[in-house]
N, C-alpha and C. Protein backbone atom coordinates (compact mmCIF):
# COMPACT_ATOMS: atom_id res chain seq x y z
N MET A 1 -13.23 16.54 -17.86
CA MET A 1 -13.43 15.29 -17.37
C MET A 1 -13.30 15.29 -15.84
N ALA A 2 -13.97 13.97 -15.42
CA ALA A 2 -13.86 13.55 -13.19
C ALA A 2 -13.10 12.99 -13.39
N GLU A 3 -12.10 13.29 -12.23
CA GLU A 3 -11.55 11.94 -12.07
C GLU A 3 -11.90 10.87 -11.58
N PRO A 4 -11.04 9.91 -12.25
CA PRO A 4 -11.72 8.55 -11.61
C PRO A 4 -11.68 8.17 -10.17
N SER A 5 -13.19 7.27 -9.85
CA SER A 5 -12.51 7.56 -8.31
C SER A 5 -11.85 6.63 -7.86
N PRO A 6 -10.85 6.72 -7.04
CA PRO A 6 -10.14 5.74 -6.41
C PRO A 6 -10.41 4.54 -5.46
N PHE A 7 -8.96 3.77 -5.72
CA PHE A 7 -9.38 2.24 -4.87
C PHE A 7 -8.74 2.39 -3.86
N LEU A 8 -9.62 1.44 -3.44
CA LEU A 8 -9.02 1.10 -1.78
C LEU A 8 -8.59 -0.95 -1.68
N VAL A 9 -7.26 -0.57 -1.50
CA VAL A 9 -6.63 -1.79 -1.13
C VAL A 9 -6.06 -1.88 0.19
N ILE A 10 -7.10 -3.03 0.27
CA ILE A 10 -6.98 -3.77 1.99
C ILE A 10 -5.63 -5.22 1.74
N VAL A 11 -4.20 -4.29 2.58
CA VAL A 11 -3.30 -5.06 2.47
C VAL A 11 -3.46 -6.47 3.83
N ASP A 12 -3.40 -7.76 3.36
CA ASP A 12 -2.94 -8.78 3.68
C ASP A 12 -4.07 -8.80 5.23
N PRO A 13 -5.65 -9.01 4.53
CA PRO A 13 -6.38 -9.56 5.93
C PRO A 13 -5.96 -11.19 5.82
N GLN A 14 -5.46 -11.49 6.69
CA GLN A 14 -5.63 -12.66 6.93
C GLN A 14 -5.21 -13.67 8.16
N VAL A 15 -5.71 -14.54 8.47
CA VAL A 15 -5.44 -15.49 9.84
C VAL A 15 -4.56 -15.48 10.10
N ILE A 16 -2.70 -15.15 9.28
CA ILE A 16 -1.70 -15.04 10.36
C ILE A 16 -1.12 -13.85 10.76
N PHE A 17 -2.30 -12.81 10.76
CA PHE A 17 -2.51 -11.78 10.99
C PHE A 17 -2.76 -11.29 12.28
N ALA A 18 -4.74 -11.60 12.54
CA ALA A 18 -5.61 -12.23 13.11
C ALA A 18 -5.31 -13.63 14.38
N ALA A 19 -5.09 -14.27 14.07
CA ALA A 19 -5.55 -15.36 15.11
C ALA A 19 -4.96 -15.02 15.88
N ASP A 20 -6.24 -15.81 17.36
CA ASP A 20 -4.93 -15.79 18.47
C ASP A 20 -3.86 -17.02 18.12
N GLY A 21 -2.82 -16.56 18.96
CA GLY A 21 -1.84 -17.74 19.21
C GLY A 21 -1.06 -17.43 17.84
N SER A 22 -1.41 -17.00 16.83
CA SER A 22 -0.18 -16.99 16.54
C SER A 22 0.83 -16.06 16.56
N ASP A 23 2.34 -15.72 15.94
CA ASP A 23 3.51 -15.44 16.30
C ASP A 23 3.30 -13.75 15.48
N TRP A 24 2.28 -13.70 15.04
CA TRP A 24 2.07 -12.46 13.68
C TRP A 24 0.94 -11.73 14.25
N GLN A 25 0.15 -12.39 15.42
CA GLN A 25 -1.08 -11.69 15.23
C GLN A 25 -0.62 -10.15 15.87
N SER A 26 -2.00 -8.92 15.13
CA SER A 26 -1.75 -7.94 15.60
C SER A 26 -3.02 -7.82 16.42
N PRO A 27 -2.25 -7.09 17.52
CA PRO A 27 -3.32 -6.85 18.92
C PRO A 27 -3.69 -6.08 18.70
N PHE A 28 -4.13 -5.00 16.80
CA PHE A 28 -4.94 -3.96 16.91
C PHE A 28 -6.25 -4.58 15.68
N TRP A 29 -6.03 -5.34 15.30
CA TRP A 29 -6.46 -6.34 14.26
C TRP A 29 -8.60 -5.25 14.67
N ALA A 30 -8.45 -5.89 15.92
CA ALA A 30 -9.71 -6.17 16.04
C ALA A 30 -10.71 -4.90 15.85
N ASP A 31 -9.74 -3.17 16.26
CA ASP A 31 -10.14 -2.48 16.31
C ASP A 31 -10.21 -1.92 14.12
N ALA A 32 -9.05 -2.46 13.83
CA ALA A 32 -9.18 -1.81 12.47
C ALA A 32 -10.31 -2.94 12.11
N GLU A 33 -10.90 -4.01 11.82
CA GLU A 33 -10.98 -4.99 10.99
C GLU A 33 -12.66 -4.55 10.62
N PRO A 34 -13.41 -3.35 11.35
CA PRO A 34 -15.01 -2.75 11.11
C PRO A 34 -14.43 -1.29 10.20
N ASN A 35 -13.32 -0.77 10.81
CA ASN A 35 -12.74 0.65 9.94
C ASN A 35 -13.02 -0.57 8.57
N ILE A 36 -12.01 -1.27 8.20
CA ILE A 36 -11.94 -2.17 6.98
C ILE A 36 -13.37 -2.18 6.63
N LEU A 37 -14.16 -3.39 7.08
CA LEU A 37 -15.02 -3.46 6.03
C LEU A 37 -15.92 -2.22 5.97
N ARG A 38 -16.23 -1.16 6.89
CA ARG A 38 -16.70 -0.02 6.31
C ARG A 38 -16.23 0.45 5.26
N LEU A 39 -15.31 1.23 5.29
CA LEU A 39 -14.44 1.62 3.91
C LEU A 39 -15.21 0.82 2.53
N ALA A 40 -14.96 -0.95 2.82
CA ALA A 40 -14.98 -1.67 1.93
C ALA A 40 -16.47 -1.42 1.22
N ASP A 41 -17.49 -1.34 2.20
CA ASP A 41 -18.46 -0.85 2.15
C ASP A 41 -18.51 0.38 1.24
N ALA A 42 -17.91 0.85 0.96
CA ALA A 42 -18.02 2.88 0.36
C ALA A 42 -17.59 2.36 -0.52
N PHE A 43 -16.73 1.61 -0.78
CA PHE A 43 -15.69 1.89 -2.31
C PHE A 43 -16.68 0.58 -3.47
N GLY A 44 -17.01 -0.26 -2.41
CA GLY A 44 -18.21 -1.87 -3.80
C GLY A 44 -16.72 -2.32 -4.87
N GLU A 45 -17.22 -1.56 -6.07
CA GLU A 45 -16.50 -2.60 -6.67
C GLU A 45 -14.38 -1.45 -6.58
N ARG A 46 -14.97 -1.49 -6.20
CA ARG A 46 -12.75 -0.40 -6.61
C ARG A 46 -12.07 -0.77 -5.52
N VAL A 47 -12.62 -1.68 -4.72
CA VAL A 47 -12.46 -2.36 -3.23
C VAL A 47 -10.23 -3.52 -4.06
N VAL A 48 -9.12 -3.56 -3.63
CA VAL A 48 -8.90 -4.73 -3.92
C VAL A 48 -7.89 -5.42 -2.60
N VAL A 49 -7.97 -6.65 -2.49
CA VAL A 49 -7.63 -7.28 -1.09
C VAL A 49 -6.22 -8.20 -1.92
N THR A 50 -5.45 -8.10 -0.67
CA THR A 50 -3.86 -9.03 -1.43
C THR A 50 -3.84 -9.33 -0.38
N ARG A 51 -2.91 -10.73 -0.33
CA ARG A 51 -2.19 -11.57 0.70
C ARG A 51 -0.26 -11.59 0.47
N TRP A 52 -0.58 -11.73 1.18
CA TRP A 52 1.71 -12.29 1.78
C TRP A 52 1.32 -13.68 1.41
N LEU A 53 2.28 -14.61 0.69
CA LEU A 53 2.47 -15.77 0.65
C LEU A 53 3.73 -16.45 0.65
N PRO A 54 4.19 -17.31 1.43
CA PRO A 54 5.53 -17.53 1.54
C PRO A 54 6.28 -18.67 0.99
N THR A 55 6.01 -17.63 -0.12
CA THR A 55 6.78 -18.44 -1.83
C THR A 55 7.86 -17.88 -1.84
N ALA A 56 8.54 -17.57 -0.91
CA ALA A 56 9.95 -16.52 -1.76
C ALA A 56 11.30 -18.01 -1.80
N ASP A 57 12.07 -17.41 -2.84
CA ASP A 57 13.11 -17.82 -2.98
C ASP A 57 14.02 -18.10 -1.97
N ARG A 58 14.11 -19.04 -1.35
CA ARG A 58 14.77 -19.45 0.17
C ARG A 58 16.37 -19.68 0.40
N SER A 59 16.82 -19.12 -1.03
CA SER A 59 17.84 -19.33 -1.04
C SER A 59 18.33 -17.56 -1.00
N THR A 60 17.89 -16.79 -1.49
CA THR A 60 17.82 -15.47 -0.93
C THR A 60 18.02 -15.22 0.60
N SER A 61 17.47 -13.42 1.52
CA SER A 61 17.48 -13.67 2.89
C SER A 61 15.92 -14.03 3.20
N TRP A 62 15.45 -14.38 2.21
CA TRP A 62 13.91 -14.70 2.64
C TRP A 62 14.60 -16.55 2.87
N GLY A 63 15.27 -17.03 2.71
CA GLY A 63 15.63 -18.07 3.86
C GLY A 63 15.98 -17.64 5.11
N ASP A 64 16.63 -16.73 4.95
CA ASP A 64 16.84 -16.83 6.61
C ASP A 64 16.00 -16.16 7.20
N TYR A 65 14.69 -15.07 7.03
CA TYR A 65 13.83 -15.02 7.80
C TYR A 65 12.80 -15.70 7.72
N PHE A 66 13.04 -17.09 6.81
CA PHE A 66 11.72 -18.69 7.36
C PHE A 66 12.71 -19.22 8.29
N GLU A 67 14.32 -19.22 8.48
CA GLU A 67 14.78 -20.16 9.45
C GLU A 67 14.44 -19.18 10.86
N ALA A 68 14.31 -17.65 11.13
CA ALA A 68 13.63 -16.63 12.13
C ALA A 68 12.15 -16.92 12.15
N TRP A 69 11.17 -17.37 11.70
CA TRP A 69 10.37 -17.66 11.68
C TRP A 69 9.54 -18.57 11.20
N PRO A 70 9.43 -20.18 11.56
CA PRO A 70 9.54 -21.38 11.27
C PRO A 70 8.01 -21.70 11.40
N PHE A 71 7.64 -21.04 11.52
CA PHE A 71 5.78 -20.72 11.96
C PHE A 71 5.15 -20.74 10.67
N ALA A 72 5.48 -20.10 10.15
CA ALA A 72 5.40 -19.69 8.95
C ALA A 72 5.67 -20.37 7.46
N ASP A 73 6.72 -21.27 7.91
CA ASP A 73 7.54 -21.01 6.53
C ASP A 73 6.45 -22.92 6.23
N VAL A 74 5.93 -22.63 6.05
CA VAL A 74 4.21 -23.56 5.50
C VAL A 74 4.40 -23.75 4.42
N PRO A 75 3.68 -24.48 3.49
CA PRO A 75 2.76 -24.41 2.05
C PRO A 75 1.83 -23.44 2.08
N ALA A 76 1.76 -22.53 0.32
CA ALA A 76 0.72 -21.04 0.59
C ALA A 76 -0.78 -21.87 1.03
N ASP A 77 -1.13 -22.95 0.35
CA ASP A 77 -2.28 -23.32 0.54
C ASP A 77 -2.82 -23.35 2.18
N ASP A 78 -1.61 -23.33 3.09
CA ASP A 78 -2.26 -23.58 4.55
C ASP A 78 -3.12 -22.33 5.09
N PRO A 79 -3.93 -23.32 5.98
CA PRO A 79 -4.59 -22.38 6.62
C PRO A 79 -4.27 -20.99 6.70
N LEU A 80 -3.14 -20.47 7.83
CA LEU A 80 -2.75 -19.13 8.08
C LEU A 80 -2.57 -19.03 6.79
N TYR A 81 -3.13 -19.12 5.82
CA TYR A 81 -2.79 -17.64 4.35
C TYR A 81 -3.99 -17.37 3.72
N ASP A 82 -4.67 -17.74 4.74
CA ASP A 82 -6.54 -17.96 4.02
C ASP A 82 -6.36 -16.37 4.88
N LEU A 83 -7.77 -15.57 3.73
CA LEU A 83 -8.24 -14.23 4.04
C LEU A 83 -9.03 -14.68 5.26
N LEU A 84 -9.52 -14.19 5.63
CA LEU A 84 -9.97 -13.28 7.25
C LEU A 84 -11.83 -13.73 6.35
N PRO A 85 -12.60 -14.98 7.12
CA PRO A 85 -14.03 -14.57 6.77
C PRO A 85 -14.20 -13.10 7.04
N GLY A 86 -15.65 -13.47 6.04
CA GLY A 86 -16.04 -11.26 5.63
C GLY A 86 -15.23 -11.28 4.79
N PHE A 87 -13.63 -11.31 4.14
CA PHE A 87 -13.15 -10.98 3.50
C PHE A 87 -12.51 -11.35 1.35
N GLU A 88 -12.96 -12.80 1.40
CA GLU A 88 -12.91 -13.45 0.68
C GLU A 88 -14.17 -12.76 -0.63
N ASP A 89 -14.89 -12.10 -0.49
CA ASP A 89 -15.55 -11.58 -1.42
C ASP A 89 -16.04 -10.65 -1.43
N LEU A 90 -14.79 -9.21 -1.06
CA LEU A 90 -15.05 -7.88 -1.17
C LEU A 90 -15.13 -7.36 -2.23
N SER A 91 -13.68 -8.37 -2.92
CA SER A 91 -13.73 -7.76 -3.67
C SER A 91 -14.31 -8.50 -5.66
N PRO A 92 -14.35 -7.42 -6.54
CA PRO A 92 -14.47 -8.09 -7.63
C PRO A 92 -13.25 -8.45 -8.28
N HIS A 93 -11.83 -8.40 -7.85
CA HIS A 93 -10.87 -8.62 -8.74
C HIS A 93 -10.03 -8.98 -8.22
N PRO A 94 -9.39 -10.12 -8.91
CA PRO A 94 -8.80 -11.82 -8.38
C PRO A 94 -7.78 -10.53 -6.88
N THR A 95 -7.47 -11.92 -5.92
CA THR A 95 -6.33 -11.29 -4.62
C THR A 95 -5.27 -11.19 -5.62
N VAL A 96 -4.99 -10.27 -4.82
CA VAL A 96 -2.85 -10.24 -5.33
C VAL A 96 -2.51 -10.55 -4.24
N ASP A 97 -1.77 -11.46 -4.84
CA ASP A 97 -1.00 -12.20 -4.18
C ASP A 97 0.43 -12.57 -4.49
N GLU A 98 1.60 -11.74 -3.90
CA GLU A 98 2.67 -11.58 -3.28
C GLU A 98 3.85 -12.04 -2.67
N PRO A 99 4.75 -12.58 -2.69
CA PRO A 99 5.26 -13.14 -1.94
C PRO A 99 6.59 -12.40 -1.03
N THR A 100 6.15 -11.11 -1.53
CA THR A 100 6.50 -9.77 -0.75
C THR A 100 5.97 -8.81 0.43
N PHE A 101 6.73 -7.94 0.50
CA PHE A 101 5.64 -7.65 1.74
C PHE A 101 5.36 -6.51 1.81
N GLY A 102 6.11 -6.13 -0.07
CA GLY A 102 5.00 -4.64 -0.53
C GLY A 102 4.66 -5.43 -1.87
N LYS A 103 3.17 -4.84 -1.79
CA LYS A 103 1.85 -4.75 -3.30
C LYS A 103 2.19 -4.33 -4.01
N TRP A 104 3.15 -3.20 -4.79
CA TRP A 104 3.05 -2.36 -5.17
C TRP A 104 4.09 -3.38 -6.62
N HIS A 105 3.23 -3.73 -7.17
CA HIS A 105 3.94 -5.11 -8.27
C HIS A 105 3.13 -4.96 -9.41
N ASP A 106 3.09 -5.94 -10.59
CA ASP A 106 2.84 -5.91 -11.81
C ASP A 106 0.90 -6.19 -11.45
N GLN A 107 1.18 -7.03 -10.87
CA GLN A 107 -0.45 -7.79 -10.28
C GLN A 107 -1.40 -5.97 -9.85
N LEU A 108 -1.03 -5.88 -8.67
CA LEU A 108 -1.64 -4.56 -7.90
C LEU A 108 -1.57 -3.70 -9.07
N ARG A 109 -0.78 -2.95 -9.78
CA ARG A 109 -0.76 -1.77 -10.68
C ARG A 109 -1.24 -2.39 -11.99
N GLY A 110 -1.96 -3.71 -12.12
CA GLY A 110 -2.55 -4.04 -13.70
C GLY A 110 -4.35 -3.77 -13.16
N ILE A 111 -4.32 -3.67 -12.31
CA ILE A 111 -5.58 -3.18 -11.67
C ILE A 111 -6.33 -1.50 -11.37
N VAL A 112 -4.60 -1.29 -10.95
CA VAL A 112 -5.53 0.36 -9.96
C VAL A 112 -4.71 1.47 -11.37
N GLY A 113 -3.63 0.95 -12.19
CA GLY A 113 -2.83 1.49 -13.01
C GLY A 113 -2.02 1.76 -12.17
N ASP A 114 -0.67 2.29 -13.08
CA ASP A 114 0.03 2.57 -12.71
C ASP A 114 1.13 4.53 -11.22
N ALA A 115 -0.64 4.94 -11.83
CA ALA A 115 -0.46 6.54 -10.76
C ALA A 115 -1.69 6.43 -10.73
N PRO A 116 -2.59 5.72 -10.18
CA PRO A 116 -3.61 5.97 -9.88
C PRO A 116 -4.05 6.67 -8.24
N GLU A 117 -4.82 7.36 -7.85
CA GLU A 117 -5.07 7.51 -6.36
C GLU A 117 -5.90 6.42 -5.24
N VAL A 118 -5.06 6.17 -5.06
CA VAL A 118 -5.03 4.65 -3.91
C VAL A 118 -5.80 4.99 -2.49
N VAL A 119 -6.23 4.80 -1.94
CA VAL A 119 -7.06 3.80 0.15
C VAL A 119 -6.41 3.29 0.69
N VAL A 120 -5.09 3.19 1.54
CA VAL A 120 -4.34 1.98 1.80
C VAL A 120 -4.80 1.88 2.86
N ALA A 121 -5.35 0.54 3.57
CA ALA A 121 -5.79 0.05 5.02
C ALA A 121 -5.20 -1.31 5.29
N GLY A 122 -5.37 -1.87 6.41
CA GLY A 122 -4.32 -3.69 6.30
C GLY A 122 -3.83 -4.10 7.46
N VAL A 123 -2.84 -4.51 7.20
CA VAL A 123 -1.61 -5.27 8.16
C VAL A 123 -0.80 -5.47 7.64
N SER A 124 0.24 -5.12 8.10
CA SER A 124 0.71 -5.02 9.34
C SER A 124 1.61 -3.40 8.51
N THR A 125 0.96 -2.65 9.85
CA THR A 125 1.53 -1.07 9.73
C THR A 125 2.74 -0.86 9.08
N ASP A 126 4.01 -1.77 10.16
CA ASP A 126 5.14 -1.69 10.18
C ASP A 126 5.80 -2.64 8.75
N CYS A 127 4.68 -3.34 8.58
CA CYS A 127 5.47 -4.01 7.50
C CYS A 127 4.62 -3.68 6.82
N CYS A 128 3.90 -5.29 6.18
CA CYS A 128 3.15 -4.74 4.77
C CYS A 128 2.49 -4.02 4.44
N VAL A 129 2.11 -3.02 5.02
CA VAL A 129 1.28 -1.61 4.72
C VAL A 129 2.92 -0.74 4.22
N ILE A 130 3.37 -0.43 5.21
CA ILE A 130 4.14 0.17 4.51
C ILE A 130 5.58 0.25 3.23
N SER A 131 5.72 -0.91 3.37
CA SER A 131 6.02 -1.52 2.29
C SER A 131 5.39 -1.64 0.93
N THR A 132 4.30 -1.42 1.40
CA THR A 132 3.42 -1.10 -0.30
C THR A 132 2.88 0.08 -1.10
N VAL A 133 3.25 1.30 0.40
CA VAL A 133 3.11 2.32 0.39
C VAL A 133 4.44 3.32 -0.49
N LEU A 134 4.80 3.05 0.33
CA LEU A 134 6.60 3.87 0.38
C LEU A 134 6.88 3.22 -1.30
N PRO A 135 6.97 2.51 -1.69
CA PRO A 135 7.13 2.22 -3.05
C PRO A 135 6.03 3.15 -4.35
N ALA A 136 5.04 2.85 -3.51
CA ALA A 136 3.66 3.22 -5.05
C ALA A 136 3.62 4.87 -4.55
N ALA A 137 3.64 5.33 -4.12
CA ALA A 137 3.86 6.88 -3.94
C ALA A 137 5.65 7.25 -4.22
N ASP A 138 6.05 6.46 -4.54
CA ASP A 138 7.97 6.71 -5.20
C ASP A 138 6.94 6.51 -6.67
N ALA A 139 6.67 5.66 -7.21
CA ALA A 139 5.98 5.45 -8.47
C ALA A 139 5.12 6.80 -9.40
N GLY A 140 4.58 7.15 -8.09
CA GLY A 140 3.51 8.37 -8.61
C GLY A 140 2.51 8.27 -8.32
N ALA A 141 1.94 7.33 -7.82
CA ALA A 141 0.70 7.15 -7.40
C ALA A 141 0.36 8.25 -5.51
N ARG A 142 -1.06 9.04 -5.64
CA ARG A 142 -1.20 9.64 -4.85
C ARG A 142 -1.75 8.33 -3.53
N ILE A 143 -1.51 8.18 -2.62
CA ILE A 143 -1.92 7.05 -1.04
C ILE A 143 -2.80 8.41 -0.19
N THR A 144 -3.83 7.46 0.08
CA THR A 144 -4.28 7.79 1.88
C THR A 144 -3.82 6.55 2.43
N VAL A 145 -3.64 7.04 3.18
CA VAL A 145 -3.26 5.83 4.67
C VAL A 145 -4.62 5.60 5.52
N VAL A 146 -5.23 5.52 5.92
CA VAL A 146 -5.85 5.37 6.75
C VAL A 146 -5.55 4.92 8.07
N ALA A 147 -5.05 5.40 9.07
CA ALA A 147 -4.99 4.80 10.34
C ALA A 147 -5.68 4.24 11.45
N ASP A 148 -6.89 4.65 11.54
CA ASP A 148 -7.89 3.31 12.59
C ASP A 148 -7.79 2.42 11.33
N ALA A 149 -7.34 2.42 10.36
CA ALA A 149 -7.93 0.67 9.11
C ALA A 149 -6.92 0.18 9.25
N CYS A 150 -5.90 0.29 10.18
CA CYS A 150 -4.61 -0.49 9.66
C CYS A 150 -3.99 -0.98 11.56
N ALA A 151 -3.56 -2.02 11.20
CA ALA A 151 -3.07 -2.54 12.18
C ALA A 151 -1.85 -3.31 12.62
N ALA A 152 -1.34 -2.57 13.54
CA ALA A 152 0.17 -3.27 13.69
C ALA A 152 0.95 -4.17 14.59
N SER A 153 1.81 -4.17 14.61
CA SER A 153 2.17 -4.89 15.41
C SER A 153 2.95 -4.68 16.85
N THR A 154 3.02 -3.19 17.17
CA THR A 154 3.09 -2.89 17.98
C THR A 154 2.55 -1.80 18.43
N ALA A 155 2.47 -0.92 19.45
CA ALA A 155 1.40 0.52 18.93
C ALA A 155 3.04 1.46 19.01
N GLU A 156 4.05 1.27 18.96
CA GLU A 156 4.99 2.17 19.01
C GLU A 156 5.54 1.99 17.31
N ASN A 157 6.14 0.64 16.98
CA ASN A 157 5.69 0.14 15.67
C ASN A 157 4.99 1.25 14.42
N GLY A 158 3.99 0.69 15.26
CA GLY A 158 2.61 1.46 14.00
C GLY A 158 2.63 3.21 14.08
N ALA A 159 3.32 3.29 15.32
CA ALA A 159 3.61 5.62 15.06
C ALA A 159 4.44 5.27 14.54
N ALA A 160 5.72 4.83 14.88
CA ALA A 160 6.65 5.07 13.60
C ALA A 160 6.70 4.58 12.07
N ALA A 161 5.62 4.00 12.30
CA ALA A 161 5.80 3.55 10.31
C ALA A 161 3.96 4.72 9.86
N MET A 162 3.60 5.56 10.75
CA MET A 162 2.91 6.52 10.71
C MET A 162 3.74 7.62 10.26
N HIS A 163 4.67 7.50 11.20
CA HIS A 163 5.38 8.89 11.48
C HIS A 163 6.43 8.76 9.92
N VAL A 164 6.59 8.22 9.70
CA VAL A 164 7.60 7.24 7.94
C VAL A 164 6.81 7.69 7.18
N MET A 165 5.34 7.42 6.89
CA MET A 165 4.07 7.50 6.25
C MET A 165 4.54 9.23 5.75
N GLY A 166 4.47 9.70 6.79
CA GLY A 166 3.83 10.75 6.96
C GLY A 166 4.54 11.85 6.63
N LEU A 167 6.13 11.53 6.51
CA LEU A 167 6.89 12.58 6.02
C LEU A 167 7.16 12.89 4.32
N TYR A 168 5.86 11.60 3.97
CA TYR A 168 6.25 12.27 1.91
C TYR A 168 4.45 12.85 1.62
N PRO A 169 4.48 13.30 2.12
CA PRO A 169 3.57 14.78 1.96
C PRO A 169 4.07 15.02 -0.14
N PRO A 170 3.41 15.46 -0.78
CA PRO A 170 1.89 15.46 -0.84
C PRO A 170 1.79 13.99 -1.43
N GLN A 171 2.68 13.34 -1.51
CA GLN A 171 2.56 11.95 -1.90
C GLN A 171 1.48 11.16 -1.13
N VAL A 172 1.62 11.14 -0.26
CA VAL A 172 0.90 10.13 0.67
C VAL A 172 0.21 11.34 1.79
N GLN A 173 -0.80 11.02 1.66
CA GLN A 173 -1.24 11.39 3.27
C GLN A 173 -2.23 10.71 4.69
N ILE A 174 -2.29 10.59 5.79
CA ILE A 174 -2.77 10.06 6.56
C ILE A 174 -3.88 10.91 7.04
N THR A 175 -5.25 9.74 7.20
CA THR A 175 -6.08 10.58 7.47
C THR A 175 -6.93 9.38 8.20
N SER A 176 -8.90 9.30 8.58
CA SER A 176 -8.99 8.19 9.24
C SER A 176 -10.27 8.23 8.41
N THR A 177 -11.16 6.85 8.93
CA THR A 177 -11.65 6.12 8.26
C THR A 177 -13.43 6.78 8.09
N ALA A 178 -13.18 7.94 9.16
CA ALA A 178 -14.39 8.89 8.66
C ALA A 178 -14.45 10.17 7.69
N THR A 179 -13.10 10.48 8.17
CA THR A 179 -12.51 11.41 7.02
C THR A 179 -12.98 11.07 5.49
N VAL A 180 -12.43 9.83 5.40
CA VAL A 180 -12.23 9.06 3.95
C VAL A 180 -14.31 8.72 4.00
N LEU A 181 -15.14 8.33 4.75
CA LEU A 181 -16.68 8.06 4.77
C LEU A 181 -16.87 9.69 4.23
N ALA A 182 -16.83 10.66 5.12
CA ALA A 182 -17.38 11.68 4.23
C ALA A 182 -16.80 12.55 3.22
N SER A 183 -15.69 12.17 2.84
CA SER A 183 -16.02 12.73 1.23
C SER A 183 -15.72 12.21 0.27
N ARG A 184 -16.24 10.90 0.58
CA ARG A 184 -16.97 9.59 -1.01
C ARG A 184 -18.41 9.91 -0.32
N ALA A 185 -19.00 10.27 0.67
CA ALA A 185 -20.34 10.95 0.52
C ALA A 185 -20.96 12.28 -0.14
N THR A 186 -19.92 12.64 0.09
CA THR A 186 -20.03 14.16 -0.42
C THR A 186 -19.39 14.17 -1.96
N THR A 187 -19.16 13.11 -2.84
CA THR A 187 -18.49 13.22 -4.65
C THR A 187 -19.34 11.89 -4.93
N THR A 188 -20.23 11.51 -3.97
CA THR A 188 -20.82 10.38 -4.71
C THR A 188 -22.30 10.43 -5.11
């Protein structure tokens, strides 16, 4: 029996991480976005999109976090948290909304399964991407991180996050958009 096709998980393609003037704008989003969209096209219905929402309990350390980042402490329906144009309809699955950096929780596992093969792209490499990848790998998922389809806060932080994720083979593999697309072309 053939192994199920992997899912593409696109982490947090939201206005807050891409908009000019946002305190959290990734300077690498413009480079990553076309690669993410090419991947989404290749994965078809096996795409899942996530969003980070500011709905965490303020009595926890999240209260300190929002004190440090007051611009982000707005209602979850604020346009800052909207998906970027072109990402709203990429997936037939509901958007996975979480108040945590990592998205490896019940919602995502309910779509992709408990021990799936997952290809990961998105923003920010050094926050929400790494916080999704490591718990998923620890839970038994096979993860492929597409380096040129991830956008970091800085070049140094992105390199550090890729280095850390690269320390987890064989559960985590780091690759490129071209390699993933070539692999999909030979298996479909």
